[in-house]
Protein backbone atom coordinates (compact mmCIF):
# COMPACT_ATOMS: atom_id res chain seq x y z
CA UNK A 1 27.30 -43.02 12.67
CA UNK A 2 28.74 -45.56 14.98
CA UNK A 3 32.34 -45.97 14.61
CA UNK A 4 33.04 -49.24 12.57
CA UNK A 5 29.43 -49.67 11.13
CA UNK A 6 29.23 -48.88 7.15
CA UNK A 7 26.31 -46.21 6.18
CA UNK A 8 24.17 -48.76 5.24
CA UNK A 9 24.57 -50.87 8.51
CA UNK A 10 23.87 -47.84 10.45
CA UNK A 11 20.63 -46.80 8.62
CA UNK A 12 19.41 -50.37 8.86
CA UNK A 13 20.06 -50.18 12.62
CA UNK A 14 18.26 -46.88 12.95
CA UNK A 15 15.27 -47.96 11.10
CA UNK A 16 15.17 -50.91 13.11
CA UNK A 17 15.35 -49.40 16.30
CA UNK A 18 12.37 -47.11 14.70
CA UNK A 19 10.24 -49.96 13.58
CA UNK A 20 10.75 -51.44 17.07
CA UNK A 21 9.61 -48.39 19.14
CA UNK A 22 6.55 -47.73 16.69
CA UNK A 23 5.36 -51.32 17.09
CA UNK A 24 5.50 -51.09 20.61
CA UNK A 25 3.67 -47.65 20.58
CA UNK A 26 0.86 -48.75 18.54
CA UNK A 27 0.45 -52.27 20.32
CA UNK A 28 0.46 -49.84 23.52
CA UNK A 29 -2.36 -47.78 22.08
CA UNK A 30 -4.28 -50.86 20.40
CA UNK A 31 -4.30 -53.05 23.72
CA UNK A 32 -6.07 -50.13 25.15
CA UNK A 33 -8.70 -49.60 22.70
CA UNK A 34 -12.37 -51.11 22.80
CA UNK A 35 -11.59 -53.20 20.02
CA UNK A 36 -7.86 -53.76 19.63
CA UNK A 37 -8.10 -55.88 16.42
CA UNK A 38 -10.01 -53.18 14.69
CA UNK A 39 -8.07 -50.34 15.84
CA UNK A 40 -4.77 -51.91 14.44
CA UNK A 41 -6.66 -52.93 11.10
CA UNK A 42 -7.99 -49.18 10.84
CA UNK A 43 -4.14 -48.02 11.30
CA UNK A 44 -2.98 -50.47 8.55
CA UNK A 45 -5.85 -49.06 6.01
CA UNK A 46 -4.74 -45.60 6.69
CA UNK A 47 -0.98 -46.06 6.11
CA UNK A 48 -1.61 -47.81 3.03
CA UNK A 49 -3.72 -45.16 2.00
CA UNK A 50 -1.09 -42.55 2.56
CA UNK A 51 1.45 -44.59 0.60
CA UNK A 52 -1.28 -44.48 -2.06
CA UNK A 53 -1.74 -40.65 -1.89
CA UNK A 54 2.04 -40.03 -1.85
CA UNK A 55 2.92 -38.04 -5.20
CA UNK A 56 6.69 -39.48 -5.14
CA UNK A 57 5.44 -43.09 -5.13
CA UNK A 58 2.88 -42.40 -7.54
CA UNK A 59 5.78 -42.62 -10.02
CA UNK A 60 7.39 -45.51 -9.09
CA UNK A 61 5.58 -48.53 -8.93
CA UNK A 62 8.49 -50.59 -7.70
CA UNK A 63 8.81 -48.15 -4.96
CA UNK A 64 5.22 -48.06 -4.08
CA UNK A 65 4.89 -51.65 -3.76
CA UNK A 66 7.96 -52.49 -1.80
CA UNK A 67 6.75 -49.75 0.76
CA UNK A 68 3.24 -51.38 0.45
CA UNK A 69 5.13 -54.58 1.45
CA UNK A 70 6.90 -53.01 4.22
CA UNK A 71 3.70 -51.53 5.95
CA UNK A 72 1.88 -54.99 5.41
CA UNK A 73 4.87 -56.93 7.27
CA UNK A 74 5.25 -54.53 9.87
CA UNK A 75 1.18 -54.75 10.53
CA UNK A 76 1.38 -58.46 10.37
CA UNK A 77 3.40 -58.40 13.27
CA UNK A 78 1.44 -55.77 15.34
CA UNK A 79 -1.82 -57.96 14.39
CA UNK A 80 -0.17 -61.09 15.86
CA UNK A 81 0.71 -59.48 18.93
CA UNK A 82 -2.80 -57.85 19.47
CA UNK A 83 -4.66 -61.34 18.84
CA UNK A 84 -2.25 -62.83 21.39
CA UNK A 85 -3.01 -60.08 23.96
CA UNK A 86 -6.99 -60.52 22.94
CA UNK A 87 -6.51 -64.29 23.66
CA UNK A 88 -4.98 -64.04 26.96
CA UNK A 89 -7.36 -64.68 30.49
CA UNK A 90 -5.80 -61.17 31.56
CA UNK A 91 -7.36 -59.13 28.91
CA UNK A 92 -10.81 -60.79 29.30
CA UNK A 93 -10.73 -59.81 33.11
CA UNK A 94 -9.90 -56.82 31.83
């Protein structure tokens, strides 16, 4: 834990860093796909399916909904980035 940070602040900053890295990785992979928006949409479905298959979350509907909302929010951001990429003239020339 970083000096001066509470445990919650430390966890929050670590989760933010992890989310940023994963978003960059997914965006990087998506823009190299033949159909970036479909590639991202498939990853969203797979992530949500994993939540429904998680036995821990099956017994806690509140946690499951919270996790689903977090996944949806994450992928909304990635989809926005990919849509902007697909709309750029550089992408069309690719």
